[in-house]
């Protein structure tokens, strides 16, 4: 079970711990960056979420959920041009 699964069970702290461990073992783990992005959104940290979704998309350019969530974040923070760019990728 990944970080998002733990969060779905109400285990946010454990989810973050899981993602952090995964990144300690493999800093290029796109899923762990994505999971940290989801956790950051849930904690209300748009800037951290942007950092994590961007990292996931950079590592795995075809990661559709990283791109989608990055687009949603751009739209929610008043950057529609960047949002459209992500949605079109």
Protein backbone atom coordinates (compact mmCIF):
# COMPACT_ATOMS: atom_id res chain seq x y z
CA UNK A 1 0.00 0.00 0.00
CA UNK A 2 1.39 3.38 -1.01
CA UNK A 3 1.14 6.74 0.67
CA UNK A 4 -2.22 7.54 -0.92
CA UNK A 5 -3.67 4.28 0.33
CA UNK A 6 -2.56 5.10 3.85
CA UNK A 7 -4.04 8.59 3.58
CA UNK A 8 -7.34 7.12 2.38
CA UNK A 9 -7.36 5.11 5.59
CA UNK A 10 -6.81 8.25 7.64
CA UNK A 11 -3.11 7.60 8.12
CA UNK A 12 -1.70 10.87 6.73
CA UNK A 13 1.44 10.85 8.88
CA UNK A 14 2.22 7.27 7.91
CA UNK A 15 1.59 8.11 4.26
CA UNK A 16 4.10 10.94 4.38
CA UNK A 17 6.58 8.70 6.19
CA UNK A 18 6.17 6.04 3.49
CA UNK A 19 6.78 8.57 0.69
CA UNK A 20 9.80 10.02 2.48
CA UNK A 21 11.34 6.55 2.91
CA UNK A 22 10.70 5.74 -0.74
CA UNK A 23 12.46 8.95 -1.79
CA UNK A 24 15.38 8.28 0.55
CA UNK A 25 15.89 4.96 -1.24
CA UNK A 26 15.23 6.35 -4.72
CA UNK A 27 15.06 10.13 -5.21
CA UNK A 28 13.85 9.45 -8.75
CA UNK A 29 10.67 7.72 -7.58
CA UNK A 30 7.94 9.61 -9.46
CA UNK A 31 5.13 7.88 -7.54
CA UNK A 32 6.56 8.96 -4.19
CA UNK A 33 6.79 12.57 -5.41
CA UNK A 34 3.23 12.30 -6.68
CA UNK A 35 2.06 10.92 -3.33
CA UNK A 36 3.80 13.76 -1.50
CA UNK A 37 2.02 16.18 -3.83
CA UNK A 38 -1.36 14.70 -2.96
CA UNK A 39 -0.52 14.89 0.73
CA UNK A 40 0.58 18.52 0.35
CA UNK A 41 -2.74 19.41 -1.31
CA UNK A 42 -4.62 17.76 1.53
CA UNK A 43 -2.56 19.75 4.01
CA UNK A 44 -3.22 23.00 2.15
CA UNK A 45 0.32 23.57 0.90
CA UNK A 46 -0.04 24.54 -2.76
CA UNK A 47 3.63 25.47 -3.16
CA UNK A 48 4.82 22.10 -1.82
CA UNK A 49 2.26 20.29 -3.98
CA UNK A 50 3.51 22.15 -7.05
CA UNK A 51 7.10 21.17 -6.24
CA UNK A 52 6.18 17.50 -5.84
CA UNK A 53 3.86 17.23 -8.87
CA UNK A 54 6.49 19.01 -10.98
CA UNK A 55 9.15 16.57 -9.81
CA UNK A 56 6.92 13.59 -10.62
CA UNK A 57 6.18 15.01 -14.11
CA UNK A 58 9.86 15.75 -14.74
CA UNK A 59 10.91 12.23 -13.75
CA UNK A 60 8.03 10.55 -15.55
CA UNK A 61 6.85 12.92 -18.32
CA UNK A 62 3.91 10.69 -19.19
CA UNK A 63 2.59 10.46 -15.62
CA UNK A 64 -1.02 11.49 -16.36
CA UNK A 65 -2.10 12.11 -12.77
CA UNK A 66 0.94 14.26 -12.01
CA UNK A 67 0.20 16.36 -15.11
CA UNK A 68 -3.53 16.53 -14.32
CA UNK A 69 -3.00 17.55 -10.70
CA UNK A 70 -0.36 20.08 -11.69
CA UNK A 71 -2.84 21.55 -14.17
CA UNK A 72 -5.56 21.71 -11.51
CA UNK A 73 -3.14 23.40 -9.14
CA UNK A 74 -2.18 25.98 -11.77
CA UNK A 75 -5.86 26.67 -12.49
CA UNK A 76 -6.66 27.04 -8.79
CA UNK A 77 -3.79 29.48 -8.28
CA UNK A 78 -4.72 31.76 -11.18
CA UNK A 79 -2.36 30.46 -13.86
CA UNK A 80 -4.76 29.27 -16.58
CA UNK A 81 -2.14 29.30 -19.35
CA UNK A 82 0.06 26.86 -17.46
CA UNK A 83 -2.99 24.78 -16.58
CA UNK A 84 -3.99 24.41 -20.23
CA UNK A 85 -0.41 23.49 -21.11
CA UNK A 86 -0.46 20.64 -18.59
CA UNK A 87 -3.91 19.43 -19.62
CA UNK A 88 -2.79 19.27 -23.25
CA UNK A 89 0.31 17.19 -22.55
